[in-house]
């Protein structure tokens, strides 16, 4: 989640579906798609974007589902305690990698 624009989680916390418009392969676009929090339109021109927006506007059920998913994920995956726990776990991993190996056990040959 580290390379996703933080405004996406703000939209999610507001219980709003998101609309990502941009190139394929973008971390934010992949996030929106993977987490089912909104629509992704890979548009390079106004006509393609307009067609994508018409499809979105005609899909009230998806809008409601994306809004509900956004709010639920914001309350769980991106809650303050969940983010703090992920940060703590990450820092613990870093800390353990920085620790020198303590007296390794001798190799016993039989």
C-alpha atoms as a PDB file:
ATOM      1  CA  UNK A   1       0.000   0.000   0.000  1.00  0.00           C
ATOM      2  CA  UNK A   2       2.978   2.291   0.286  1.00  0.00           C
ATOM      3  CA  UNK A   3       2.966   3.641  -3.273  1.00  0.00           C
ATOM      4  CA  UNK A   4      -0.733   4.526  -3.378  1.00  0.00           C
ATOM      5  CA  UNK A   5      -1.728   8.170  -3.259  1.00  0.00           C
ATOM      6  CA  UNK A   6      -2.987   8.966   0.225  1.00  0.00           C
ATOM      7  CA  UNK A   7      -5.978  10.881  -1.078  1.00  0.00           C
ATOM      8  CA  UNK A   8      -7.484   7.543  -2.135  1.00  0.00           C
ATOM      9  CA  UNK A   9      -7.743   6.458   1.478  1.00  0.00           C
ATOM     10  CA  UNK A  10      -9.349   9.821   2.306  1.00  0.00           C
ATOM     11  CA  UNK A  11     -12.033   9.169  -0.318  1.00  0.00           C
ATOM     12  CA  UNK A  12     -12.509   5.676   1.050  1.00  0.00           C
ATOM     13  CA  UNK A  13     -12.903   6.985   4.610  1.00  0.00           C
ATOM     14  CA  UNK A  14     -15.619   9.319   3.316  1.00  0.00           C
ATOM     15  CA  UNK A  15     -17.456   6.267   1.960  1.00  0.00           C
ATOM     16  CA  UNK A  16     -17.132   7.443  -1.616  1.00  0.00           C
ATOM     17  CA  UNK A  17     -16.377   5.316  -4.648  1.00  0.00           C
ATOM     18  CA  UNK A  18     -13.209   6.375  -6.407  1.00  0.00           C
ATOM     19  CA  UNK A  19     -12.519   7.035 -10.045  1.00  0.00           C
ATOM     20  CA  UNK A  20      -8.998   6.482 -11.275  1.00  0.00           C
ATOM     21  CA  UNK A  21      -8.145   7.936 -14.668  1.00  0.00           C
ATOM     22  CA  UNK A  22      -4.658   7.221 -15.849  1.00  0.00           C
ATOM     23  CA  UNK A  23      -2.235   4.818 -17.431  1.00  0.00           C
ATOM     24  CA  UNK A  24      -2.298   1.061 -17.060  1.00  0.00           C
ATOM     25  CA  UNK A  25       0.174  -0.222 -14.519  1.00  0.00           C
ATOM     26  CA  UNK A  26      -0.274   2.690 -12.114  1.00  0.00           C
ATOM     27  CA  UNK A  27      -0.120   1.644  -8.451  1.00  0.00           C
ATOM     28  CA  UNK A  28      -3.189   3.742  -7.668  1.00  0.00           C
ATOM     29  CA  UNK A  29      -5.226   2.282 -10.526  1.00  0.00           C
ATOM     30  CA  UNK A  30      -4.247  -1.256  -9.575  1.00  0.00           C
ATOM     31  CA  UNK A  31      -5.163  -0.509  -5.957  1.00  0.00           C
ATOM     32  CA  UNK A  32      -8.645   0.767  -6.855  1.00  0.00           C
ATOM     33  CA  UNK A  33      -9.234  -2.297  -9.015  1.00  0.00           C
ATOM     34  CA  UNK A  34      -7.788  -4.858  -6.578  1.00  0.00           C
ATOM     35  CA  UNK A  35      -9.623  -3.459  -3.547  1.00  0.00           C
ATOM     36  CA  UNK A  36     -12.926  -2.943  -5.448  1.00  0.00           C
ATOM     37  CA  UNK A  37     -13.267   0.639  -4.264  1.00  0.00           C
ATOM     38  CA  UNK A  38     -14.159   2.290  -7.548  1.00  0.00           C
ATOM     39  CA  UNK A  39     -13.811   2.512 -11.277  1.00  0.00           C
ATOM     40  CA  UNK A  40     -10.656   2.523 -13.371  1.00  0.00           C
ATOM     41  CA  UNK A  41     -10.599   4.234 -16.762  1.00  0.00           C
ATOM     42  CA  UNK A  42      -7.449   4.022 -18.841  1.00  0.00           C
ATOM     43  CA  UNK A  43      -8.161   6.960 -21.104  1.00  0.00           C
ATOM     44  CA  UNK A  44      -5.737   8.769 -23.334  1.00  0.00           C
ATOM     45  CA  UNK A  45      -8.325  11.053 -24.893  1.00  0.00           C
ATOM     46  CA  UNK A  46     -11.549  12.856 -24.043  1.00  0.00           C
ATOM     47  CA  UNK A  47     -13.784  10.518 -26.070  1.00  0.00           C
ATOM     48  CA  UNK A  48     -12.577   7.408 -24.230  1.00  0.00           C
ATOM     49  CA  UNK A  49     -12.960   9.144 -20.880  1.00  0.00           C
ATOM     50  CA  UNK A  50     -16.478  10.304 -21.775  1.00  0.00           C
ATOM     51  CA  UNK A  51     -17.500   6.739 -22.676  1.00  0.00           C
ATOM     52  CA  UNK A  52     -16.059   5.443 -19.411  1.00  0.00           C
ATOM     53  CA  UNK A  53     -17.929   8.069 -17.401  1.00  0.00           C
ATOM     54  CA  UNK A  54     -21.217   7.257 -19.153  1.00  0.00           C
ATOM     55  CA  UNK A  55     -20.791   3.617 -18.183  1.00  0.00           C
ATOM     56  CA  UNK A  56     -20.103   4.558 -14.583  1.00  0.00           C
ATOM     57  CA  UNK A  57     -23.097   6.876 -14.356  1.00  0.00           C
ATOM     58  CA  UNK A  58     -25.370   4.114 -15.613  1.00  0.00           C
ATOM     59  CA  UNK A  59     -24.187   1.662 -12.940  1.00  0.00           C
ATOM     60  CA  UNK A  60     -25.860   2.701  -9.666  1.00  0.00           C
ATOM     61  CA  UNK A  61     -25.465  -0.754  -8.123  1.00  0.00           C
ATOM     62  CA  UNK A  62     -21.698  -0.713  -8.584  1.00  0.00           C
ATOM     63  CA  UNK A  63     -21.500   2.832  -7.198  1.00  0.00           C
ATOM     64  CA  UNK A  64     -23.251   1.719  -4.011  1.00  0.00           C
ATOM     65  CA  UNK A  65     -21.126  -1.424  -3.715  1.00  0.00           C
ATOM     66  CA  UNK A  66     -17.887   0.504  -4.220  1.00  0.00           C
ATOM     67  CA  UNK A  67     -18.962   3.094  -1.627  1.00  0.00           C
ATOM     68  CA  UNK A  68     -19.722   0.380   0.936  1.00  0.00           C
ATOM     69  CA  UNK A  69     -16.461  -1.444   0.216  1.00  0.00           C
ATOM     70  CA  UNK A  70     -14.509   1.810   0.481  1.00  0.00           C
ATOM     71  CA  UNK A  71     -15.984   2.655   3.875  1.00  0.00           C
ATOM     72  CA  UNK A  72     -15.445  -0.862   5.220  1.00  0.00           C
ATOM     73  CA  UNK A  73     -11.822  -1.051   4.071  1.00  0.00           C
ATOM     74  CA  UNK A  74     -11.064   2.408   5.424  1.00  0.00           C
ATOM     75  CA  UNK A  75     -12.453   1.370   8.802  1.00  0.00           C
ATOM     76  CA  UNK A  76     -10.428  -1.843   8.935  1.00  0.00           C
ATOM     77  CA  UNK A  77      -7.398  -2.008   6.629  1.00  0.00           C
ATOM     78  CA  UNK A  78      -6.604   1.703   6.896  1.00  0.00           C
ATOM     79  CA  UNK A  79      -7.707   2.409  10.450  1.00  0.00           C
ATOM     80  CA  UNK A  80      -5.146   4.139  12.630  1.00  0.00           C
ATOM     81  CA  UNK A  81      -4.522   0.991  14.658  1.00  0.00           C
ATOM     82  CA  UNK A  82      -4.103  -1.201  11.562  1.00  0.00           C
ATOM     83  CA  UNK A  83      -1.647   1.214   9.962  1.00  0.00           C
ATOM     84  CA  UNK A  84       0.267   1.538  13.237  1.00  0.00           C
ATOM     85  CA  UNK A  85       0.486  -2.252  13.510  1.00  0.00           C
ATOM     86  CA  UNK A  86       1.834  -2.613   9.972  1.00  0.00           C
ATOM     87  CA  UNK A  87       4.404   0.100  10.661  1.00  0.00           C
ATOM     88  CA  UNK A  88       5.400  -1.552  13.945  1.00  0.00           C
ATOM     89  CA  UNK A  89       5.757  -4.963  12.256  1.00  0.00           C
ATOM     90  CA  UNK A  90       7.877  -3.438   9.495  1.00  0.00           C
ATOM     91  CA  UNK A  91      10.142  -1.653  11.964  1.00  0.00           C
ATOM     92  CA  UNK A  92      10.517  -4.863  13.973  1.00  0.00           C
ATOM     93  CA  UNK A  93      11.697  -6.651  10.819  1.00  0.00           C
ATOM     94  CA  UNK A  94      14.201  -3.893  10.128  1.00  0.00           C
ATOM     95  CA  UNK A  95      15.407  -3.924  13.716  1.00  0.00           C
ATOM     96  CA  UNK A  96      15.930  -7.692  13.696  1.00  0.00           C
ATOM     97  CA  UNK A  97      17.921  -7.512  10.465  1.00  0.00           C
ATOM     98  CA  UNK A  98      20.199  -4.879  11.978  1.00  0.00           C
ATOM     99  CA  UNK A  99      20.994  -6.982  15.051  1.00  0.00           C
ATOM    100  CA  UNK A 100      24.325  -8.810  14.894  1.00  0.00           C
ATOM    101  CA  UNK A 101      24.061 -12.561  15.064  1.00  0.00           C
ATOM    102  CA  UNK A 102      24.518 -13.545  18.678  1.00  0.00           C
ATOM    103  CA  UNK A 103      27.104 -16.219  19.295  1.00  0.00           C
ATOM    104  CA  UNK A 104      26.076 -18.838  16.747  1.00  0.00           C
ATOM    105  CA  UNK A 105      25.854 -22.368  18.048  1.00  0.00           C
ATOM    106  CA  UNK A 106      28.976 -24.396  17.428  1.00  0.00           C
ATOM    107  CA  UNK A 107      28.845 -26.922  14.653  1.00  0.00           C
ATOM    108  CA  UNK A 108      28.904 -30.444  16.058  1.00  0.00           C
ATOM    109  CA  UNK A 109      30.559 -32.993  13.878  1.00  0.00           C
ATOM    110  CA  UNK A 110      29.764 -36.588  14.481  1.00  0.00           C
END
